[in-house]
C-alpha atoms as a PDB file:
ATOM      1  CA  MET A   1      -0.018   0.016   0.066  1.00  0.00           C
ATOM      2  CA  THR A   2       1.317   3.344  -0.984  1.00  0.00           C
ATOM      3  CA  ARG A   3       0.158   6.906  -0.143  1.00  0.00           C
ATOM      4  CA  PRO A   4      -1.285   9.048  -2.776  1.00  0.00           C
ATOM      5  CA  VAL A   5       1.054  11.667  -4.232  1.00  0.00           C
ATOM      6  CA  THR A   6      -0.549  15.081  -4.868  1.00  0.00           C
ATOM      7  CA  GLY A   7       2.577  17.200  -5.165  1.00  0.00           C
ATOM      8  CA  VAL A   8       6.244  17.182  -6.167  1.00  0.00           C
ATOM      9  CA  LEU A   9       8.802  19.584  -4.572  1.00  0.00           C
ATOM     10  CA  PHE A  10      11.752  20.299  -6.752  1.00  0.00           C
ATOM     11  CA  ASP A  11      15.080  21.789  -6.025  1.00  0.00           C
ATOM     12  CA  VAL A  12      16.243  23.862  -9.027  1.00  0.00           C
ATOM     13  CA  ASP A  13      20.002  24.412  -9.228  1.00  0.00           C
ATOM     14  CA  GLY A  14      21.479  21.084 -10.577  1.00  0.00           C
ATOM     15  CA  THR A  15      18.005  19.440 -10.473  1.00  0.00           C
ATOM     16  CA  LEU A  16      16.179  21.206 -13.227  1.00  0.00           C
ATOM     17  CA  VAL A  17      18.813  23.665 -14.401  1.00  0.00           C
ATOM     18  CA  ASP A  18      22.508  22.835 -15.300  1.00  0.00           C
ATOM     19  CA  SER A  19      24.068  25.413 -12.936  1.00  0.00           C
ATOM     20  CA  VAL A  20      26.026  23.620 -10.217  1.00  0.00           C
ATOM     21  CA  TYR A  21      29.455  23.892 -11.659  1.00  0.00           C
ATOM     22  CA  LEU A  22      28.899  27.517 -12.711  1.00  0.00           C
ATOM     23  CA  HIS A  23      28.133  28.177  -8.903  1.00  0.00           C
ATOM     24  CA  ALA A  24      31.355  26.244  -7.871  1.00  0.00           C
ATOM     25  CA  VAL A  25      33.596  28.403 -10.186  1.00  0.00           C
ATOM     26  CA  ALA A  26      31.960  31.540  -9.150  1.00  0.00           C
ATOM     27  CA  TRP A  27      32.501  30.751  -5.495  1.00  0.00           C
ATOM     28  CA  TRP A  28      36.129  29.839  -6.341  1.00  0.00           C
ATOM     29  CA  HIS A  29      36.754  33.158  -7.981  1.00  0.00           C
ATOM     30  CA  ALA A  30      35.019  35.044  -5.105  1.00  0.00           C
ATOM     31  CA  PHE A  31      37.071  33.219  -2.438  1.00  0.00           C
ATOM     32  CA  ARG A  32      40.296  34.081  -4.258  1.00  0.00           C
ATOM     33  CA  GLN A  33      39.340  37.725  -4.511  1.00  0.00           C
ATOM     34  CA  PHE A  34      39.250  37.787  -0.697  1.00  0.00           C
ATOM     35  CA  GLY A  35      42.415  35.773  -0.156  1.00  0.00           C
ATOM     36  CA  HIS A  36      40.937  32.319   0.480  1.00  0.00           C
ATOM     37  CA  ASP A  37      42.299  29.401  -1.306  1.00  0.00           C
ATOM     38  CA  VAL A  38      39.413  26.855  -1.279  1.00  0.00           C
ATOM     39  CA  GLU A  39      39.636  23.713  -3.443  1.00  0.00           C
ATOM     40  CA  THR A  40      37.026  23.588  -6.149  1.00  0.00           C
ATOM     41  CA  ALA A  41      36.199  19.998  -5.104  1.00  0.00           C
ATOM     42  CA  ARG A  42      35.234  21.215  -1.644  1.00  0.00           C
ATOM     43  CA  ILE A  43      33.153  24.026  -3.053  1.00  0.00           C
ATOM     44  CA  HIS A  44      31.377  21.601  -5.478  1.00  0.00           C
ATOM     45  CA  ARG A  45      30.295  19.345  -2.739  1.00  0.00           C
ATOM     46  CA  ALA A  46      28.855  22.237  -0.718  1.00  0.00           C
ATOM     47  CA  ILE A  47      26.706  23.558  -3.564  1.00  0.00           C
ATOM     48  CA  GLY A  48      22.936  23.193  -2.557  1.00  0.00           C
ATOM     49  CA  MET A  49      23.618  24.881   0.753  1.00  0.00           C
ATOM     50  CA  GLY A  50      22.333  28.434   0.885  1.00  0.00           C
ATOM     51  CA  SER A  51      24.769  31.333   1.159  1.00  0.00           C
ATOM     52  CA  ASP A  52      24.032  31.645   4.839  1.00  0.00           C
ATOM     53  CA  LYS A  53      25.602  28.224   5.469  1.00  0.00           C
ATOM     54  CA  ILE A  54      28.161  27.707   2.784  1.00  0.00           C
ATOM     55  CA  LEU A  55      30.717  30.244   4.119  1.00  0.00           C
ATOM     56  CA  ASP A  56      30.887  28.582   7.677  1.00  0.00           C
ATOM     57  CA  HIS A  57      31.014  25.158   6.038  1.00  0.00           C
ATOM     58  CA  LEU A  58      33.960  26.050   3.774  1.00  0.00           C
ATOM     59  CA  LEU A  59      35.863  28.544   5.830  1.00  0.00           C
ATOM     60  CA  GLY A  60      35.081  27.158   9.308  1.00  0.00           C
ATOM     61  CA  PRO A  61      32.536  28.421  11.965  1.00  0.00           C
ATOM     62  CA  ASP A  62      35.274  30.574  13.478  1.00  0.00           C
ATOM     63  CA  HIS A  63      36.265  32.465  10.413  1.00  0.00           C
ATOM     64  CA  ASP A  64      36.136  36.324  10.404  1.00  0.00           C
ATOM     65  CA  THR A  65      32.670  37.156   9.230  1.00  0.00           C
ATOM     66  CA  ALA A  66      33.383  40.869   8.437  1.00  0.00           C
ATOM     67  CA  GLU A  67      33.665  40.234   4.751  1.00  0.00           C
ATOM     68  CA  ASP A  68      30.890  37.671   4.474  1.00  0.00           C
ATOM     69  CA  ASP A  69      28.462  39.969   2.802  1.00  0.00           C
ATOM     70  CA  ALA A  70      31.041  41.246   0.261  1.00  0.00           C
ATOM     71  CA  LEU A  71      32.012  37.570  -0.521  1.00  0.00           C
ATOM     72  CA  ARG A  72      28.438  36.648  -1.118  1.00  0.00           C
ATOM     73  CA  ALA A  73      27.931  39.630  -3.367  1.00  0.00           C
ATOM     74  CA  ALA A  74      31.043  38.743  -5.347  1.00  0.00           C
ATOM     75  CA  HIS A  75      29.722  35.234  -5.876  1.00  0.00           C
ATOM     76  CA  SER A  76      26.428  36.599  -7.029  1.00  0.00           C
ATOM     77  CA  SER A  77      28.025  39.020  -9.531  1.00  0.00           C
ATOM     78  CA  LEU A  78      30.367  36.361 -10.801  1.00  0.00           C
ATOM     79  CA  TYR A  79      27.498  33.859 -11.233  1.00  0.00           C
ATOM     80  CA  ALA A  80      25.180  36.475 -12.864  1.00  0.00           C
ATOM     81  CA  VAL A  81      27.639  36.683 -15.794  1.00  0.00           C
ATOM     82  CA  HIS A  82      26.350  33.165 -16.793  1.00  0.00           C
ATOM     83  CA  TRP A  83      22.605  33.707 -16.418  1.00  0.00           C
ATOM     84  CA  THR A  84      22.060  34.185 -20.237  1.00  0.00           C
ATOM     85  CA  ALA A  85      23.901  30.783 -20.832  1.00  0.00           C
ATOM     86  CA  LEU A  86      21.781  28.768 -18.310  1.00  0.00           C
ATOM     87  CA  ARG A  87      20.069  25.684 -19.794  1.00  0.00           C
ATOM     88  CA  PRO A  88      17.378  23.337 -18.536  1.00  0.00           C
ATOM     89  CA  LEU A  89      18.660  19.868 -17.960  1.00  0.00           C
ATOM     90  CA  ALA A  90      17.545  17.106 -20.208  1.00  0.00           C
ATOM     91  CA  GLY A  91      13.773  16.419 -19.738  1.00  0.00           C
ATOM     92  CA  ALA A  92      13.305  19.149 -17.039  1.00  0.00           C
ATOM     93  CA  ARG A  93      10.432  20.941 -18.867  1.00  0.00           C
ATOM     94  CA  ALA A  94       8.856  17.712 -20.007  1.00  0.00           C
ATOM     95  CA  LEU A  95       8.972  16.420 -16.395  1.00  0.00           C
ATOM     96  CA  LEU A  96       7.206  19.557 -15.053  1.00  0.00           C
ATOM     97  CA  HIS A  97       4.514  19.387 -17.765  1.00  0.00           C
ATOM     98  CA  THR A  98       3.923  15.666 -17.295  1.00  0.00           C
ATOM     99  CA  CYS A  99       3.565  16.055 -13.546  1.00  0.00           C
ATOM    100  CA  ALA A 100       1.021  18.875 -14.077  1.00  0.00           C
ATOM    101  CA  ALA A 101      -0.819  16.825 -16.662  1.00  0.00           C
ATOM    102  CA  ARG A 102      -1.229  14.126 -14.152  1.00  0.00           C
ATOM    103  CA  GLY A 103      -2.827  16.524 -11.603  1.00  0.00           C
ATOM    104  CA  LEU A 104       0.264  16.849  -9.371  1.00  0.00           C
ATOM    105  CA  ARG A 105       1.153  20.298  -8.069  1.00  0.00           C
ATOM    106  CA  ASN A 106       4.853  21.317  -9.002  1.00  0.00           C
ATOM    107  CA  VAL A 107       6.389  23.359  -6.204  1.00  0.00           C
ATOM    108  CA  LEU A 108       9.914  24.799  -6.490  1.00  0.00           C
ATOM    109  CA  ALA A 109      11.900  24.872  -3.200  1.00  0.00           C
ATOM    110  CA  THR A 110      15.300  26.330  -3.796  1.00  0.00           C
ATOM    111  CA  SER A 111      18.139  27.917  -1.798  1.00  0.00           C
ATOM    112  CA  ALA A 112      18.646  30.511  -4.700  1.00  0.00           C
ATOM    113  CA  SER A 113      18.209  34.085  -3.948  1.00  0.00           C
ATOM    114  CA  LYS A 114      15.285  36.000  -5.670  1.00  0.00           C
ATOM    115  CA  PRO A 115      17.410  37.505  -8.482  1.00  0.00           C
ATOM    116  CA  GLU A 116      18.909  34.083  -9.224  1.00  0.00           C
ATOM    117  CA  LEU A 117      15.543  32.476  -9.083  1.00  0.00           C
ATOM    118  CA  LYS A 118      14.193  34.822 -11.696  1.00  0.00           C
ATOM    119  CA  ALA A 119      17.050  33.836 -14.047  1.00  0.00           C
ATOM    120  CA  LEU A 120      16.294  30.116 -13.340  1.00  0.00           C
ATOM    121  CA  LEU A 121      12.643  30.677 -14.073  1.00  0.00           C
ATOM    122  CA  ARG A 122      13.448  32.346 -17.275  1.00  0.00           C
ATOM    123  CA  CYS A 123      15.610  29.381 -18.205  1.00  0.00           C
ATOM    124  CA  LEU A 124      12.951  26.825 -17.413  1.00  0.00           C
ATOM    125  CA  ASP A 125      10.226  28.681 -19.256  1.00  0.00           C
ATOM    126  CA  ALA A 126       7.581  26.629 -17.494  1.00  0.00           C
ATOM    127  CA  ASP A 127       5.636  29.089 -15.332  1.00  0.00           C
ATOM    128  CA  SER A 128       2.283  27.760 -16.584  1.00  0.00           C
ATOM    129  CA  VAL A 129       2.847  24.345 -14.844  1.00  0.00           C
ATOM    130  CA  ILE A 130       4.648  25.731 -11.728  1.00  0.00           C
ATOM    131  CA  ASN A 131       2.188  26.215  -8.808  1.00  0.00           C
ATOM    132  CA  THR A 132       4.319  27.525  -6.030  1.00  0.00           C
ATOM    133  CA  VAL A 133       7.803  28.960  -5.833  1.00  0.00           C
ATOM    134  CA  THR A 134       9.988  29.679  -2.732  1.00  0.00           C
ATOM    135  CA  SER A 135      13.537  30.986  -2.471  1.00  0.00           C
ATOM    136  CA  ALA A 136      16.207  31.513   0.153  1.00  0.00           C
ATOM    137  CA  ASP A 137      14.601  34.802   0.838  1.00  0.00           C
ATOM    138  CA  ASP A 138      11.429  33.188   2.207  1.00  0.00           C
ATOM    139  CA  ALA A 139      13.067  31.235   5.037  1.00  0.00           C
ATOM    140  CA  SER A 140      15.281  31.965   7.962  1.00  0.00           C
ATOM    141  CA  GLU A 141      17.746  29.153   7.290  1.00  0.00           C
ATOM    142  CA  SER A 142      18.562  27.417   3.988  1.00  0.00           C
ATOM    143  CA  LYS A 143      19.253  23.808   3.259  1.00  0.00           C
ATOM    144  CA  PRO A 144      20.085  21.459   4.863  1.00  0.00           C
ATOM    145  CA  ALA A 145      17.735  23.112   7.333  1.00  0.00           C
ATOM    146  CA  PRO A 146      14.166  22.205   6.327  1.00  0.00           C
ATOM    147  CA  ASP A 147      12.880  25.797   6.547  1.00  0.00           C
ATOM    148  CA  ILE A 148      12.490  26.343   2.680  1.00  0.00           C
ATOM    149  CA  VAL A 149      10.631  23.061   2.415  1.00  0.00           C
ATOM    150  CA  GLU A 150       8.293  23.906   5.240  1.00  0.00           C
ATOM    151  CA  VAL A 151       7.584  27.381   3.524  1.00  0.00           C
ATOM    152  CA  ALA A 152       6.894  25.454   0.324  1.00  0.00           C
ATOM    153  CA  LEU A 153       4.506  23.130   1.898  1.00  0.00           C
ATOM    154  CA  ARG A 154       2.579  25.918   3.749  1.00  0.00           C
ATOM    155  CA  ARG A 155       2.321  28.129   0.651  1.00  0.00           C
ATOM    156  CA  SER A 156       1.163  25.200  -1.599  1.00  0.00           C
ATOM    157  CA  GLY A 157      -1.235  23.890   0.898  1.00  0.00           C
ATOM    158  CA  LEU A 158       0.336  20.475   0.762  1.00  0.00           C
ATOM    159  CA  SER A 159       1.307  18.216   3.634  1.00  0.00           C
ATOM    160  CA  ALA A 160       4.618  16.277   4.052  1.00  0.00           C
ATOM    161  CA  GLU A 161       2.593  13.113   3.850  1.00  0.00           C
ATOM    162  CA  GLU A 162       1.521  13.716   0.203  1.00  0.00           C
ATOM    163  CA  VAL A 163       4.639  14.937  -1.493  1.00  0.00           C
ATOM    164  CA  VAL A 164       7.991  13.744  -2.807  1.00  0.00           C
ATOM    165  CA  PHE A 165      11.120  15.953  -2.989  1.00  0.00           C
ATOM    166  CA  VAL A 166      13.382  15.810  -6.092  1.00  0.00           C
ATOM    167  CA  GLY A 167      16.929  17.032  -5.563  1.00  0.00           C
ATOM    168  CA  ASP A 168      20.539  16.582  -6.650  1.00  0.00           C
ATOM    169  CA  SER A 169      22.564  17.130  -3.479  1.00  0.00           C
ATOM    170  CA  ILE A 170      22.887  15.565  -0.039  1.00  0.00           C
ATOM    171  CA  TRP A 171      21.711  18.793   1.335  1.00  0.00           C
ATOM    172  CA  ASP A 172      18.292  18.281  -0.391  1.00  0.00           C
ATOM    173  CA  VAL A 173      18.090  14.817   0.938  1.00  0.00           C
ATOM    174  CA  LYS A 174      18.672  16.041   4.455  1.00  0.00           C
ATOM    175  CA  ALA A 175      16.294  18.867   4.149  1.00  0.00           C
ATOM    176  CA  ALA A 176      13.475  16.596   3.024  1.00  0.00           C
ATOM    177  CA  GLY A 177      14.482  13.858   5.531  1.00  0.00           C
ATOM    178  CA  ALA A 178      14.087  16.353   8.408  1.00  0.00           C
ATOM    179  CA  LEU A 179      10.341  16.527   7.538  1.00  0.00           C
ATOM    180  CA  SER A 180      10.085  12.647   6.694  1.00  0.00           C
ATOM    181  CA  ILE A 181       9.553  13.562   2.985  1.00  0.00           C
ATOM    182  CA  PRO A 182      10.953  10.915   0.592  1.00  0.00           C
ATOM    183  CA  CYS A 183      13.617  12.353  -1.665  1.00  0.00           C
ATOM    184  CA  VAL A 184      14.320  11.082  -5.205  1.00  0.00           C
ATOM    185  CA  GLY A 185      17.870  12.095  -6.050  1.00  0.00           C
ATOM    186  CA  LEU A 186      19.389  13.032  -9.482  1.00  0.00           C
ATOM    187  CA  THR A 187      23.068  12.676 -10.317  1.00  0.00           C
ATOM    188  CA  THR A 188      22.995  15.975 -12.400  1.00  0.00           C
ATOM    189  CA  GLY A 189      24.662  17.859  -9.668  1.00  0.00           C
ATOM    190  CA  GLY A 190      27.832  15.578  -9.661  1.00  0.00           C
ATOM    191  CA  VAL A 191      26.839  13.560  -6.552  1.00  0.00           C
ATOM    192  CA  SER A 192      27.148   9.827  -6.933  1.00  0.00           C
ATOM    193  CA  ILE A 193      24.233   7.395  -6.731  1.00  0.00           C
ATOM    194  CA  ALA A 194      25.787   5.610  -3.851  1.00  0.00           C
ATOM    195  CA  GLU A 195      26.333   8.820  -1.844  1.00  0.00           C
ATOM    196  CA  LEU A 196      22.805  10.051  -2.419  1.00  0.00           C
ATOM    197  CA  LEU A 197      21.506   6.583  -1.215  1.00  0.00           C
ATOM    198  CA  ASP A 198      23.768   6.510   1.744  1.00  0.00           C
ATOM    199  CA  HIS A 199      22.343   9.866   2.864  1.00  0.00           C
ATOM    200  CA  GLY A 200      18.780   8.665   2.598  1.00  0.00           C
ATOM    201  CA  ALA A 201      17.440   8.988  -0.903  1.00  0.00           C
ATOM    202  CA  ALA A 202      14.690   6.745  -1.667  1.00  0.00           C
ATOM    203  CA  ALA A 203      15.712   6.308  -5.342  1.00  0.00           C
ATOM    204  CA  VAL A 204      18.243   7.886  -7.668  1.00  0.00           C
ATOM    205  CA  TYR A 205      18.103   8.690 -11.462  1.00  0.00           C
ATOM    206  CA  GLU A 206      20.462  10.094 -13.983  1.00  0.00           C
ATOM    207  CA  ASP A 207      18.621  13.256 -14.875  1.00  0.00           C
ATOM    208  CA  PRO A 208      15.165  14.659 -15.116  1.00  0.00           C
ATOM    209  CA  GLN A 209      14.529  12.633 -18.374  1.00  0.00           C
ATOM    210  CA  ASP A 210      15.445   9.393 -16.615  1.00  0.00           C
ATOM    211  CA  LEU A 211      13.146  10.281 -13.839  1.00  0.00           C
ATOM    212  CA  LEU A 212      10.411  11.092 -16.339  1.00  0.00           C
ATOM    213  CA  ASP A 213      10.901   7.762 -18.135  1.00  0.00           C
ATOM    214  CA  ASN A 214      10.448   5.953 -14.803  1.00  0.00           C
ATOM    215  CA  LEU A 215       8.081   8.268 -12.954  1.00  0.00           C
ATOM    216  CA  ASP A 216       5.774   5.654 -11.727  1.00  0.00           C
ATOM    217  CA  GLU A 217       8.485   3.484 -10.421  1.00  0.00           C
ATOM    218  CA  ALA A 218      10.120   6.481  -8.812  1.00  0.00           C
ATOM    219  CA  LEU A 219       7.029   7.633  -7.025  1.00  0.00           C
ATOM    220  CA  THR A 220       6.147   4.137  -5.846  1.00  0.00           C
ATOM    221  CA  THR A 221       9.575   3.411  -4.682  1.00  0.00           C
ATOM    222  CA  ALA A 222       9.732   6.749  -2.772  1.00  0.00           C
ATOM    223  CA  PHE A 223       6.579   6.098  -0.781  1.00  0.00           C
ATOM    224  CA  ARG A 224       7.283   2.446  -0.220  1.00  0.00           C
ATOM    225  CA  VAL A 225      10.557   3.497   1.434  1.00  0.00           C
ATOM    226  CA  ALA A 226       8.791   6.184   3.397  1.00  0.00           C
ATOM    227  CA  LEU A 227       6.223   3.914   4.764  1.00  0.00           C
ATOM    228  CA  THR A 228       8.779   1.250   5.817  1.00  0.00           C
ATOM    229  CA  THR A 229      10.845   3.952   7.640  1.00  0.00           C
ATOM    230  CA  ALA A 230       7.872   5.804   9.227  1.00  0.00           C
END
C-alpha cells in the first residue's frame, strides 16, 4: 500500500537547471578575491547549501565574518555573468509538464536568492505548470535546514505526507528527511548514486529525463521507502 502523491517539490539548481558547476567556479573566484584558497572540489560538494551556510561550512565556523556579505555579493556578481547561458537539464520541462498533466502540483523549493531564481525561471520557461515558488529569501535558514521546504508546503497547501522531493545534493536529501519527506535524487549535480542513497535518498536517477521515463517507479519506490521507515 502506498500513499497518494498530490505534489512534487523540486530543487532547481542542478536538479532542473545545469548550474552547479557555474556556482562552484563563481564561488572559487569570489574566495580568491578575498584571499581564501578553497579547493573547487570542496566548493562543489557544498553547492546546494544556501549562502547563509556555505561560508561557515567552507571557511570554518570561527572565520572572520566581516567580509561575508562582500563575499556573497562577489559570488552573485560572478554567477550572474552566466545567467543568459543557463540551460534546462534534459527532460526538465517535460517532467514539469507531465507532473502537471497528471494533476500533481509542481512546487519549487530552492536555496537560490530571488534574483537568481528569476534567471532560473526564465531558463525553465515553464511558469504555466509551476504552482508555487519559494527561495532563500522566504526562510530563516537554507538547506540542509528544512525551513524552505516547510515554507513551500505551507504556501502550496500540501502536507509532508502527500509529496515527494526531487533534488541533486545531499543537502536536499537532508532537508527533505528532516520532515520525513521521501527524496528522489538525481546525479546531475555531480553527486554519486551511492552517496545520495547513503544519505537517505529513496531512489536515484540520472537526470530529469530518466526520472520522467521511470516516474511511476520513482513515486512508488519513494513512498514504499517512506512507509517502511515511518
